[in-house]
Amino acid sequence: MILSTVKAKLSAYAVPIIATLVVVAGLSFWWLWSDRQQLLQENANLTQAMDQARVTNEENLSQIAQLQADIRWRDQQALIRSERERNLSEQLAKTEAELKELVRDAPCSGPEYVWPDAVYERMRSGTVADPNRVREGAGSSGLPGTADTSGATSAD
């Protein structure tokens, strides 16, 4: 009997408390569920951004490797070129020394030496002293360097 009296008195307080707890638990569950959806969306966005960053990083690494290979190739070509230039300058210096040695006592080194006609013609070809030189004077336009296409010959 005492027990049923206590139950009756407590049930009047227990039912609203339990109902309040059920409502609070339901609202908490709904609030946590909506936060979960937002967090899942943010997680998906961040995962996509990380995947894009990974792909970009891989592309950058491959481009860096390609550029480093190009730099190594250019360095190698520069070394080959500098060695070739050094060899050519050594060869040029050697040839110049040999020519100076040969020309030192040559009979054609004096001021009274007369060049053969073939050498003289070759040396003066294309110069002012060449009688067969094609001269480009003022043409019909009056400008130097423009040939007269009218067929008239100009006097030198």
N, C-alpha and C. Protein backbone atom coordinates (compact mmCIF):
# COMPACT_ATOMS: atom_id res chain seq x y z
N MET A 1 0.78 -1.15 0.00
CA MET A 1 0.00 0.00 0.00
C MET A 1 0.86 1.27 0.00
N ILE A 2 1.82 1.25 0.78
CA ILE A 2 2.71 2.39 0.80
C ILE A 2 3.39 2.49 -0.57
N LEU A 3 3.66 1.37 -1.07
CA LEU A 3 4.34 1.36 -2.36
C LEU A 3 3.42 1.93 -3.45
N SER A 4 2.19 1.60 -3.47
CA SER A 4 1.29 2.13 -4.48
C SER A 4 1.06 3.62 -4.28
N THR A 5 1.07 4.09 -3.03
CA THR A 5 0.93 5.51 -2.76
C THR A 5 2.14 6.26 -3.28
N VAL A 6 3.31 5.72 -3.05
CA VAL A 6 4.55 6.36 -3.52
C VAL A 6 4.56 6.36 -5.04
N LYS A 7 4.09 5.26 -5.63
CA LYS A 7 4.05 5.18 -7.09
C LYS A 7 3.11 6.23 -7.65
N ALA A 8 2.00 6.43 -7.05
CA ALA A 8 1.03 7.39 -7.53
C ALA A 8 1.57 8.81 -7.41
N LYS A 9 2.23 9.10 -6.28
CA LYS A 9 2.79 10.43 -6.08
C LYS A 9 3.96 10.66 -7.04
N LEU A 10 4.80 9.66 -7.21
CA LEU A 10 5.97 9.81 -8.09
C LEU A 10 5.56 9.81 -9.56
N SER A 11 4.54 9.07 -9.92
CA SER A 11 4.14 9.02 -11.32
C SER A 11 3.65 10.38 -11.80
N ALA A 12 3.08 11.16 -10.90
CA ALA A 12 2.65 12.49 -11.28
C ALA A 12 3.84 13.36 -11.65
N TYR A 13 4.99 13.13 -11.00
CA TYR A 13 6.21 13.88 -11.32
C TYR A 13 7.06 13.17 -12.38
N ALA A 14 7.03 11.86 -12.40
CA ALA A 14 7.91 11.08 -13.26
C ALA A 14 7.50 11.19 -14.73
N VAL A 15 6.24 11.20 -15.03
CA VAL A 15 5.78 11.22 -16.42
C VAL A 15 6.24 12.52 -17.12
N PRO A 16 6.07 13.70 -16.53
CA PRO A 16 6.57 14.89 -17.22
C PRO A 16 8.09 14.92 -17.33
N ILE A 17 8.77 14.40 -16.30
CA ILE A 17 10.24 14.37 -16.35
C ILE A 17 10.69 13.43 -17.46
N ILE A 18 10.08 12.27 -17.53
CA ILE A 18 10.46 11.30 -18.57
C ILE A 18 10.10 11.86 -19.94
N ALA A 19 8.98 12.50 -20.09
CA ALA A 19 8.59 13.09 -21.37
C ALA A 19 9.58 14.19 -21.76
N THR A 20 9.99 15.00 -20.78
CA THR A 20 10.97 16.05 -21.05
C THR A 20 12.29 15.44 -21.48
N LEU A 21 12.72 14.38 -20.79
CA LEU A 21 13.97 13.70 -21.16
C LEU A 21 13.89 13.10 -22.56
N VAL A 22 12.75 12.54 -22.92
CA VAL A 22 12.57 11.96 -24.25
C VAL A 22 12.63 13.08 -25.31
N VAL A 23 11.99 14.21 -25.05
CA VAL A 23 12.02 15.33 -25.99
C VAL A 23 13.44 15.88 -26.12
N VAL A 24 14.14 16.03 -24.98
CA VAL A 24 15.52 16.53 -25.01
C VAL A 24 16.41 15.54 -25.77
N ALA A 25 16.24 14.25 -25.54
CA ALA A 25 17.04 13.25 -26.25
C ALA A 25 16.72 13.29 -27.75
N GLY A 26 15.45 13.45 -28.11
CA GLY A 26 15.07 13.52 -29.52
C GLY A 26 15.66 14.76 -30.19
N LEU A 27 15.55 15.91 -29.51
CA LEU A 27 16.13 17.13 -30.07
C LEU A 27 17.65 17.03 -30.18
N SER A 28 18.28 16.43 -29.18
CA SER A 28 19.75 16.24 -29.23
C SER A 28 20.12 15.34 -30.40
N PHE A 29 19.35 14.26 -30.58
CA PHE A 29 19.63 13.36 -31.69
C PHE A 29 19.47 14.09 -33.02
N TRP A 30 18.39 14.87 -33.18
CA TRP A 30 18.16 15.63 -34.42
C TRP A 30 19.28 16.64 -34.66
N TRP A 31 19.70 17.34 -33.61
CA TRP A 31 20.77 18.34 -33.73
C TRP A 31 22.09 17.68 -34.12
N LEU A 32 22.40 16.55 -33.45
CA LEU A 32 23.64 15.83 -33.78
C LEU A 32 23.57 15.26 -35.20
N TRP A 33 22.40 14.80 -35.62
CA TRP A 33 22.27 14.25 -36.97
C TRP A 33 22.48 15.34 -38.02
N SER A 34 21.97 16.55 -37.81
CA SER A 34 22.17 17.64 -38.77
C SER A 34 23.64 18.07 -38.77
N ASP A 35 24.28 18.10 -37.61
CA ASP A 35 25.72 18.39 -37.57
C ASP A 35 26.51 17.32 -38.31
N ARG A 36 26.08 16.08 -38.17
CA ARG A 36 26.77 14.98 -38.86
C ARG A 36 26.70 15.18 -40.37
N GLN A 37 25.55 15.57 -40.88
CA GLN A 37 25.39 15.79 -42.32
C GLN A 37 26.30 16.93 -42.80
N GLN A 38 26.36 18.00 -42.02
CA GLN A 38 27.25 19.11 -42.38
C GLN A 38 28.71 18.67 -42.36
N LEU A 39 29.07 17.91 -41.33
CA LEU A 39 30.46 17.44 -41.23
C LEU A 39 30.79 16.47 -42.37
N LEU A 40 29.84 15.62 -42.75
CA LEU A 40 30.09 14.72 -43.87
C LEU A 40 30.28 15.50 -45.17
N GLN A 41 29.50 16.57 -45.36
CA GLN A 41 29.65 17.40 -46.56
C GLN A 41 31.01 18.10 -46.55
N GLU A 42 31.41 18.65 -45.41
CA GLU A 42 32.73 19.29 -45.30
C GLU A 42 33.84 18.28 -45.54
N ASN A 43 33.66 17.07 -45.01
CA ASN A 43 34.66 16.01 -45.20
C ASN A 43 34.77 15.65 -46.69
N ALA A 44 33.64 15.58 -47.38
CA ALA A 44 33.67 15.28 -48.81
C ALA A 44 34.38 16.39 -49.58
N ASN A 45 34.10 17.64 -49.22
CA ASN A 45 34.77 18.77 -49.89
C ASN A 45 36.27 18.74 -49.64
N LEU A 46 36.67 18.48 -48.39
CA LEU A 46 38.10 18.44 -48.07
C LEU A 46 38.78 17.25 -48.74
N THR A 47 38.09 16.12 -48.84
CA THR A 47 38.67 14.96 -49.52
C THR A 47 38.88 15.26 -51.00
N GLN A 48 37.91 15.94 -51.61
CA GLN A 48 38.06 16.31 -53.02
C GLN A 48 39.22 17.29 -53.20
N ALA A 49 39.34 18.26 -52.29
CA ALA A 49 40.44 19.23 -52.37
C ALA A 49 41.78 18.53 -52.19
N MET A 50 41.84 17.56 -51.28
CA MET A 50 43.10 16.82 -51.08
C MET A 50 43.45 15.99 -52.30
N ASP A 51 42.44 15.39 -52.94
CA ASP A 51 42.70 14.62 -54.16
C ASP A 51 43.22 15.52 -55.27
N GLN A 52 42.62 16.70 -55.40
CA GLN A 52 43.09 17.64 -56.41
C GLN A 52 44.51 18.11 -56.09
N ALA A 53 44.79 18.34 -54.81
CA ALA A 53 46.14 18.76 -54.42
C ALA A 53 47.15 17.64 -54.69
N ARG A 54 46.75 16.39 -54.46
CA ARG A 54 47.64 15.26 -54.72
C ARG A 54 47.95 15.16 -56.21
N VAL A 55 46.93 15.30 -57.05
CA VAL A 55 47.13 15.23 -58.50
C VAL A 55 48.04 16.38 -58.96
N THR A 56 47.78 17.58 -58.44
CA THR A 56 48.61 18.74 -58.78
C THR A 56 50.04 18.53 -58.33
N ASN A 57 50.21 17.96 -57.14
CA ASN A 57 51.55 17.69 -56.61
C ASN A 57 52.28 16.69 -57.50
N GLU A 58 51.59 15.64 -57.94
CA GLU A 58 52.22 14.66 -58.82
C GLU A 58 52.62 15.29 -60.15
N GLU A 59 51.74 16.15 -60.70
CA GLU A 59 52.07 16.83 -61.95
C GLU A 59 53.28 17.75 -61.76
N ASN A 60 53.31 18.47 -60.64
CA ASN A 60 54.44 19.36 -60.36
C ASN A 60 55.73 18.57 -60.20
N LEU A 61 55.66 17.42 -59.51
CA LEU A 61 56.86 16.61 -59.33
C LEU A 61 57.37 16.07 -60.67
N SER A 62 56.45 15.64 -61.54
CA SER A 62 56.90 15.15 -62.85
C SER A 62 57.48 16.28 -63.69
N GLN A 63 56.89 17.47 -63.59
CA GLN A 63 57.43 18.62 -64.33
C GLN A 63 58.80 19.02 -63.77
N ILE A 64 58.96 18.97 -62.45
CA ILE A 64 60.26 19.29 -61.84
C ILE A 64 61.31 18.28 -62.31
N ALA A 65 60.94 17.00 -62.34
CA ALA A 65 61.89 15.98 -62.79
C ALA A 65 62.27 16.22 -64.25
N GLN A 66 61.31 16.59 -65.08
CA GLN A 66 61.60 16.86 -66.49
C GLN A 66 62.50 18.08 -66.62
N LEU A 67 62.23 19.13 -65.85
CA LEU A 67 63.07 20.33 -65.92
C LEU A 67 64.48 20.04 -65.42
N GLN A 68 64.61 19.21 -64.39
CA GLN A 68 65.94 18.86 -63.90
C GLN A 68 66.69 18.06 -64.96
N ALA A 69 65.99 17.17 -65.67
CA ALA A 69 66.64 16.43 -66.75
C ALA A 69 67.08 17.38 -67.86
N ASP A 70 66.24 18.36 -68.18
CA ASP A 70 66.62 19.36 -69.19
C ASP A 70 67.84 20.16 -68.74
N ILE A 71 67.89 20.52 -67.47
CA ILE A 71 69.04 21.27 -66.95
C ILE A 71 70.30 20.43 -67.03
N ARG A 72 70.19 19.15 -66.65
CA ARG A 72 71.37 18.27 -66.75
C ARG A 72 71.84 18.16 -68.20
N TRP A 73 70.89 18.02 -69.15
CA TRP A 73 71.26 17.92 -70.56
C TRP A 73 71.93 19.20 -71.03
N ARG A 74 71.39 20.35 -70.64
CA ARG A 74 71.99 21.62 -71.05
C ARG A 74 73.37 21.81 -70.43
N ASP A 75 73.53 21.39 -69.18
CA ASP A 75 74.86 21.47 -68.56
C ASP A 75 75.85 20.59 -69.30
N GLN A 76 75.39 19.40 -69.68
CA GLN A 76 76.27 18.49 -70.43
C GLN A 76 76.63 19.10 -71.78
N GLN A 77 75.65 19.68 -72.46
CA GLN A 77 75.93 20.31 -73.75
C GLN A 77 76.86 21.50 -73.59
N ALA A 78 76.71 22.25 -72.51
CA ALA A 78 77.61 23.39 -72.26
C ALA A 78 79.03 22.91 -72.02
N LEU A 79 79.18 21.80 -71.30
CA LEU A 79 80.52 21.24 -71.09
C LEU A 79 81.13 20.78 -72.40
N ILE A 80 80.32 20.10 -73.22
CA ILE A 80 80.82 19.64 -74.52
C ILE A 80 81.21 20.84 -75.38
N ARG A 81 80.36 21.88 -75.38
CA ARG A 81 80.64 23.07 -76.18
C ARG A 81 81.91 23.77 -75.70
N SER A 82 82.07 23.89 -74.38
CA SER A 82 83.27 24.58 -73.87
C SER A 82 84.52 23.76 -74.16
N GLU A 83 84.42 22.43 -74.09
CA GLU A 83 85.58 21.60 -74.41
C GLU A 83 85.91 21.72 -75.90
N ARG A 84 84.86 21.76 -76.74
CA ARG A 84 85.08 21.91 -78.18
C ARG A 84 85.73 23.27 -78.47
N GLU A 85 85.24 24.33 -77.82
CA GLU A 85 85.83 25.66 -78.02
C GLU A 85 87.28 25.69 -77.54
N ARG A 86 87.55 25.03 -76.43
CA ARG A 86 88.92 24.99 -75.92
C ARG A 86 89.82 24.25 -76.91
N ASN A 87 89.34 23.12 -77.43
CA ASN A 87 90.13 22.37 -78.41
C ASN A 87 90.36 23.18 -79.68
N LEU A 88 89.30 23.88 -80.13
CA LEU A 88 89.46 24.70 -81.34
C LEU A 88 90.42 25.85 -81.11
N SER A 89 90.36 26.49 -79.91
CA SER A 89 91.31 27.58 -79.67
C SER A 89 92.73 27.06 -79.56
N GLU A 90 92.90 25.87 -78.98
CA GLU A 90 94.25 25.29 -78.93
C GLU A 90 94.73 24.98 -80.34
N GLN A 91 93.84 24.43 -81.17
CA GLN A 91 94.21 24.11 -82.54
C GLN A 91 94.51 25.39 -83.32
N LEU A 92 93.72 26.43 -83.11
CA LEU A 92 93.96 27.70 -83.78
C LEU A 92 95.29 28.30 -83.37
N ALA A 93 95.58 28.25 -82.07
CA ALA A 93 96.86 28.79 -81.60
C ALA A 93 98.02 28.00 -82.19
N LYS A 94 97.86 26.69 -82.25
CA LYS A 94 98.91 25.84 -82.82
C LYS A 94 99.11 26.16 -84.31
N THR A 95 98.00 26.30 -85.04
CA THR A 95 98.07 26.60 -86.47
C THR A 95 98.68 27.97 -86.70
N GLU A 96 98.27 28.95 -85.89
CA GLU A 96 98.85 30.29 -86.02
C GLU A 96 100.36 30.27 -85.77
N ALA A 97 100.77 29.51 -84.76
CA ALA A 97 102.20 29.42 -84.47
C ALA A 97 102.94 28.78 -85.64
N GLU A 98 102.36 27.72 -86.21
CA GLU A 98 102.99 27.07 -87.36
C GLU A 98 103.06 28.01 -88.55
N LEU A 99 101.97 28.75 -88.81
CA LEU A 99 101.98 29.68 -89.94
C LEU A 99 102.98 30.81 -89.73
N LYS A 100 103.05 31.32 -88.51
CA LYS A 100 104.04 32.37 -88.24
C LYS A 100 105.45 31.85 -88.46
N GLU A 101 105.68 30.61 -88.07
CA GLU A 101 107.00 30.00 -88.26
C GLU A 101 107.29 29.83 -89.75
N LEU A 102 106.29 29.41 -90.52
CA LEU A 102 106.50 29.20 -91.95
C LEU A 102 106.64 30.52 -92.70
N VAL A 103 105.89 31.55 -92.30
CA VAL A 103 105.90 32.82 -93.02
C VAL A 103 107.11 33.67 -92.63
N ARG A 104 107.71 33.37 -91.52
CA ARG A 104 108.82 34.20 -91.04
C ARG A 104 109.93 34.32 -92.09
N ASP A 105 110.30 33.23 -92.71
CA ASP A 105 111.38 33.27 -93.70
C ASP A 105 110.87 33.07 -95.12
N ALA A 106 109.60 33.29 -95.37
CA ALA A 106 109.03 33.08 -96.70
C ALA A 106 109.49 34.18 -97.65
N PRO A 107 109.65 33.85 -98.94
CA PRO A 107 110.12 34.85 -99.90
C PRO A 107 109.04 35.90 -100.20
N CYS A 108 107.78 35.64 -99.89
CA CYS A 108 106.73 36.59 -100.23
C CYS A 108 106.44 37.56 -99.10
N SER A 109 107.27 37.59 -98.09
CA SER A 109 106.97 38.43 -96.94
C SER A 109 107.49 39.85 -97.09
N GLY A 110 108.29 40.11 -98.08
CA GLY A 110 108.86 41.45 -98.25
C GLY A 110 107.91 42.39 -98.97
N PRO A 111 108.14 43.72 -98.88
CA PRO A 111 107.26 44.68 -99.55
C PRO A 111 107.45 44.69 -101.06
N GLU A 112 108.57 44.21 -101.55
CA GLU A 112 108.80 44.23 -102.99
C GLU A 112 108.31 42.96 -103.68
N TYR A 113 107.68 42.07 -102.95
CA TYR A 113 107.20 40.82 -103.54
C TYR A 113 106.03 41.11 -104.46
N VAL A 114 106.02 40.56 -105.64
CA VAL A 114 104.95 40.73 -106.61
C VAL A 114 104.08 39.48 -106.57
N TRP A 115 102.83 39.71 -106.31
CA TRP A 115 101.90 38.58 -106.23
C TRP A 115 101.62 38.04 -107.62
N PRO A 116 101.37 36.75 -107.76
CA PRO A 116 100.93 36.20 -109.05
C PRO A 116 99.58 36.81 -109.43
N ASP A 117 99.31 36.87 -110.73
CA ASP A 117 98.08 37.51 -111.21
C ASP A 117 96.82 36.86 -110.64
N ALA A 118 96.80 35.55 -110.53
CA ALA A 118 95.61 34.86 -110.01
C ALA A 118 95.34 35.27 -108.57
N VAL A 119 96.38 35.40 -107.78
CA VAL A 119 96.21 35.81 -106.38
C VAL A 119 95.75 37.25 -106.33
N TYR A 120 96.33 38.08 -107.18
CA TYR A 120 95.96 39.49 -107.19
C TYR A 120 94.49 39.66 -107.60
N GLU A 121 94.05 38.91 -108.64
CA GLU A 121 92.67 39.00 -109.09
C GLU A 121 91.70 38.54 -108.00
N ARG A 122 92.08 37.49 -107.32
CA ARG A 122 91.23 36.97 -106.24
C ARG A 122 91.13 37.97 -105.10
N MET A 123 92.23 38.63 -104.78
CA MET A 123 92.24 39.57 -103.67
C MET A 123 91.43 40.82 -103.99
N ARG A 124 91.44 41.27 -105.24
CA ARG A 124 90.74 42.52 -105.55
C ARG A 124 89.32 42.29 -106.04
N SER A 125 88.88 41.04 -106.20
CA SER A 125 87.52 40.79 -106.67
C SER A 125 86.51 41.31 -105.64
N GLY A 126 85.52 42.02 -106.14
CA GLY A 126 84.49 42.57 -105.28
C GLY A 126 84.88 43.87 -104.62
N THR A 127 86.07 44.40 -104.89
CA THR A 127 86.48 45.67 -104.31
C THR A 127 86.31 46.77 -105.34
N VAL A 128 86.65 47.98 -104.97
CA VAL A 128 86.52 49.13 -105.87
C VAL A 128 87.45 48.97 -107.07
N ALA A 129 88.59 48.31 -106.90
CA ALA A 129 89.56 48.16 -107.98
C ALA A 129 89.16 47.09 -108.99
N ASP A 130 88.06 46.38 -108.75
CA ASP A 130 87.64 45.30 -109.65
C ASP A 130 86.85 45.89 -110.82
N PRO A 131 87.36 45.75 -112.07
CA PRO A 131 86.64 46.32 -113.21
C PRO A 131 85.36 45.55 -113.52
N ASN A 132 85.25 44.31 -113.13
CA ASN A 132 84.07 43.49 -113.42
C ASN A 132 83.02 43.55 -112.32
N ARG A 133 83.23 44.40 -111.35
CA ARG A 133 82.33 44.48 -110.20
C ARG A 133 80.99 45.03 -110.64
N VAL A 134 79.91 44.44 -110.12
CA VAL A 134 78.57 44.95 -110.40
C VAL A 134 78.34 46.11 -109.46
N ARG A 135 78.10 47.25 -110.07
CA ARG A 135 77.94 48.45 -109.25
C ARG A 135 76.46 48.76 -109.13
N GLU A 136 76.03 48.99 -107.93
CA GLU A 136 74.65 49.38 -107.70
C GLU A 136 74.64 50.85 -107.38
N GLY A 137 74.30 51.63 -108.35
CA GLY A 137 74.24 53.08 -108.14
C GLY A 137 72.80 53.49 -107.94
N ALA A 138 72.58 54.77 -108.15
CA ALA A 138 71.22 55.29 -108.04
C ALA A 138 70.43 54.82 -109.24
N GLY A 139 69.30 54.22 -109.03
CA GLY A 139 68.46 53.74 -110.11
C GLY A 139 67.49 54.82 -110.54
N SER A 140 66.42 54.40 -111.18
CA SER A 140 65.43 55.37 -111.66
C SER A 140 64.74 56.07 -110.50
N SER A 141 64.73 55.43 -109.32
CA SER A 141 64.09 56.07 -108.17
C SER A 141 64.98 57.11 -107.54
N GLY A 142 66.28 57.11 -107.89
CA GLY A 142 67.20 58.08 -107.34
C GLY A 142 67.80 57.66 -106.02
N LEU A 143 67.40 56.50 -105.51
CA LEU A 143 67.95 56.03 -104.24
C LEU A 143 69.16 55.14 -104.50
N PRO A 144 70.22 55.29 -103.74
CA PRO A 144 71.37 54.41 -103.93
C PRO A 144 70.99 52.98 -103.57
N GLY A 145 71.55 52.04 -104.30
CA GLY A 145 71.32 50.63 -104.03
C GLY A 145 70.12 50.06 -104.75
N THR A 146 69.37 50.89 -105.47
CA THR A 146 68.25 50.37 -106.25
C THR A 146 68.67 50.31 -107.70
N ALA A 147 68.60 49.14 -108.27
CA ALA A 147 69.07 48.96 -109.64
C ALA A 147 68.07 49.57 -110.61
N ASP A 148 68.58 50.08 -111.70
CA ASP A 148 67.75 50.67 -112.74
C ASP A 148 67.26 49.53 -113.62
N THR A 149 65.98 49.26 -113.63
CA THR A 149 65.43 48.14 -114.39
C THR A 149 64.97 48.55 -115.77
N SER A 150 65.19 49.79 -116.17
CA SER A 150 64.73 50.26 -117.48
C SER A 150 65.64 49.80 -118.61
N GLY A 151 66.76 49.20 -118.28
CA GLY A 151 67.67 48.71 -119.31
C GLY A 151 68.76 49.70 -119.64
N ALA A 152 68.68 50.91 -119.17
CA ALA A 152 69.72 51.91 -119.45
C ALA A 152 70.92 51.62 -118.58
N THR A 153 72.10 51.82 -119.13
CA THR A 153 73.32 51.61 -118.36
C THR A 153 73.73 52.92 -117.75
N SER A 154 74.21 52.84 -116.57
CA SER A 154 74.65 54.07 -115.91
C SER A 154 76.15 54.20 -116.06
N ALA A 155 76.62 55.40 -116.15
CA ALA A 155 78.05 55.66 -116.27
C ALA A 155 78.67 55.61 -114.89
N ASP A 156 79.90 55.06 -114.83
CA ASP A 156 80.59 54.96 -113.54
C ASP A 156 81.41 56.16 -113.26
